[in-house]
Amino acid sequence: MRPRPAVVLLAGAALLAGCGDGGGPHMARADAAPLIALSHRISREGPCAQARDITKLGRQAITLVNAHRVPSSLAESLVSGVNALRAQTPVCLPPVTTSAPTPVAPPPAPHEKHPHDHHDHHEEKHH
């Protein structure tokens, strides 16, 4: 399952960059572009890469907020979007390797009975 908040975060990042916005608060394109690129990549990745890149996206967003590079009126939206994405971070399971089954030894051949092995020790006595 692919995390859906990536789409929401992507749209938010586009607004943060000021795309199509004549005024109002927005982030510098240089700050928003890496977040947008990472959001695009996350939406196309497998679970392990998503888990890694969602963490990376979170670190980058927090770094920008802490450096006051995100306008305060947008910071909460950005952090909320990242947190929603983090909540859906897929579990990364290590690949399972398969190996050829261990050959099973054939059962031992049935022990052959020799005619002399099992004599009838009860000989009939004839008088």
Protein backbone atom coordinates (compact mmCIF):
# COMPACT_ATOMS: atom_id res chain seq x y z
CA MET A 1 0.00 0.00 0.00
CA ARG A 2 1.40 3.36 -1.03
CA PRO A 3 1.09 6.23 1.45
CA ARG A 4 -1.57 8.63 0.18
CA PRO A 5 -0.52 11.67 2.22
CA ALA A 6 2.40 11.98 -0.22
CA VAL A 7 -0.06 13.45 -2.70
CA VAL A 8 -1.36 15.90 -0.10
CA LEU A 9 2.17 16.78 0.94
CA LEU A 10 3.16 17.24 -2.69
CA ALA A 11 0.28 19.67 -3.29
CA GLY A 12 1.17 21.50 -0.07
CA ALA A 13 4.81 21.71 -1.06
CA ALA A 14 3.81 23.22 -4.41
CA LEU A 15 1.83 25.89 -2.55
CA LEU A 16 4.71 26.41 -0.16
CA ALA A 17 6.92 27.11 -3.14
CA GLY A 18 4.48 29.75 -4.27
CA CYS A 19 3.62 28.01 -7.54
CA GLY A 20 0.67 29.83 -9.04
CA ASP A 21 0.44 32.08 -6.01
CA GLY A 22 0.82 35.77 -6.77
CA GLY A 23 1.27 36.72 -3.15
CA GLY A 24 1.00 35.41 0.33
CA PRO A 25 3.48 33.39 2.29
CA HIS A 26 5.55 30.81 0.49
CA MET A 27 8.87 29.05 0.77
CA ALA A 28 11.81 29.78 -1.43
CA ARG A 29 11.87 27.44 -4.43
CA ALA A 30 15.35 26.26 -3.43
CA ASP A 31 13.95 25.06 -0.10
CA ALA A 32 10.71 23.59 -1.43
CA ALA A 33 12.17 21.87 -4.53
CA PRO A 34 13.98 19.07 -2.61
CA LEU A 35 10.80 18.36 -0.61
CA ILE A 36 8.75 18.20 -3.80
CA ALA A 37 11.29 15.93 -5.52
CA LEU A 38 11.41 13.62 -2.51
CA SER A 39 7.60 13.52 -2.33
CA HIS A 40 7.45 12.50 -6.00
CA ARG A 41 10.00 9.77 -5.42
CA ILE A 42 8.25 8.42 -2.31
CA SER A 43 5.01 7.95 -4.23
CA ARG A 44 6.77 5.63 -6.71
CA GLU A 45 9.03 3.63 -4.38
CA GLY A 46 8.80 0.28 -2.71
CA PRO A 47 8.23 -0.06 1.06
CA CYS A 48 11.87 -0.03 2.19
CA ALA A 49 12.80 2.98 0.07
CA GLN A 50 9.62 4.75 1.21
CA ALA A 51 10.46 4.14 4.86
CA ARG A 52 13.96 5.56 4.32
CA ASP A 53 12.81 8.59 2.32
CA ILE A 54 9.85 9.45 4.55
CA THR A 55 12.33 9.72 7.42
CA LYS A 56 14.59 11.85 5.24
CA LEU A 57 11.66 14.10 4.23
CA GLY A 58 10.74 14.56 7.88
CA ARG A 59 14.29 15.55 8.79
CA GLN A 60 14.48 18.03 5.90
CA ALA A 61 11.13 19.61 6.76
CA ILE A 62 12.01 19.99 10.46
CA THR A 63 15.40 21.45 9.55
CA LEU A 64 13.72 24.06 7.34
CA VAL A 65 11.12 24.91 10.01
CA ASN A 66 13.77 25.20 12.74
CA ALA A 67 15.91 27.43 10.50
CA HIS A 68 12.86 29.71 10.01
CA ARG A 69 12.93 29.05 6.27
CA VAL A 70 9.24 28.13 6.31
CA PRO A 71 6.81 30.99 6.99
CA SER A 72 5.13 30.46 10.36
CA SER A 73 1.69 30.42 8.72
CA LEU A 74 2.76 27.42 6.61
CA ALA A 75 4.98 25.56 9.08
CA GLU A 76 2.10 23.82 10.85
CA SER A 77 0.65 22.56 7.55
CA LEU A 78 4.02 21.26 6.43
CA VAL A 79 4.73 19.49 9.72
CA SER A 80 1.19 18.06 9.84
CA GLY A 81 1.56 16.69 6.31
CA VAL A 82 4.91 15.12 7.13
CA ASN A 83 3.53 13.61 10.34
CA ALA A 84 0.55 12.15 8.44
CA LEU A 85 2.99 10.60 5.99
CA ARG A 86 5.14 9.24 8.82
CA ALA A 87 2.04 7.62 10.37
CA GLN A 88 1.65 5.59 7.18
CA THR A 89 5.29 4.64 6.80
CA PRO A 90 5.32 1.09 5.47
CA VAL A 91 7.15 -1.65 7.29
CA CYS A 92 10.39 -2.61 5.62
CA LEU A 93 10.86 -6.35 5.79
CA PRO A 94 14.15 -7.91 4.75
CA PRO A 95 13.94 -9.98 1.59
CA VAL A 96 13.30 -13.65 2.13
CA THR A 97 15.76 -15.82 0.33
CA THR A 98 14.70 -19.20 -0.80
CA SER A 99 17.00 -22.11 -1.19
CA ALA A 100 16.66 -25.47 -2.76
CA PRO A 101 15.13 -27.96 -0.37
CA THR A 102 17.54 -30.24 1.37
CA PRO A 103 17.42 -33.59 -0.37
CA VAL A 104 15.85 -36.28 1.72
CA ALA A 105 17.84 -39.48 1.96
CA PRO A 106 15.99 -42.40 0.43
CA PRO A 107 14.61 -44.83 2.96
CA PRO A 108 16.85 -47.82 3.57
CA ALA A 109 16.14 -50.79 1.39
CA PRO A 110 14.01 -53.38 3.16
CA HIS A 111 16.17 -55.96 4.83
CA GLU A 112 16.09 -59.01 2.66
CA LYS A 113 15.23 -62.21 4.41
CA HIS A 114 17.48 -65.09 3.67
CA PRO A 115 15.98 -68.54 3.82
CA HIS A 116 18.44 -69.52 6.56
CA ASP A 117 17.79 -66.51 8.76
CA HIS A 118 14.42 -67.59 10.13
CA HIS A 119 14.24 -71.32 10.52
CA ASP A 120 11.35 -72.84 12.14
CA HIS A 121 12.99 -74.18 15.29
CA HIS A 122 9.97 -76.22 16.09
CA GLU A 123 10.67 -79.27 14.18
CA GLU A 124 7.95 -81.73 14.04
CA LYS A 125 8.90 -84.94 15.71
CA HIS A 126 7.72 -88.03 14.02
CA HIS A 127 7.53 -91.11 16.12
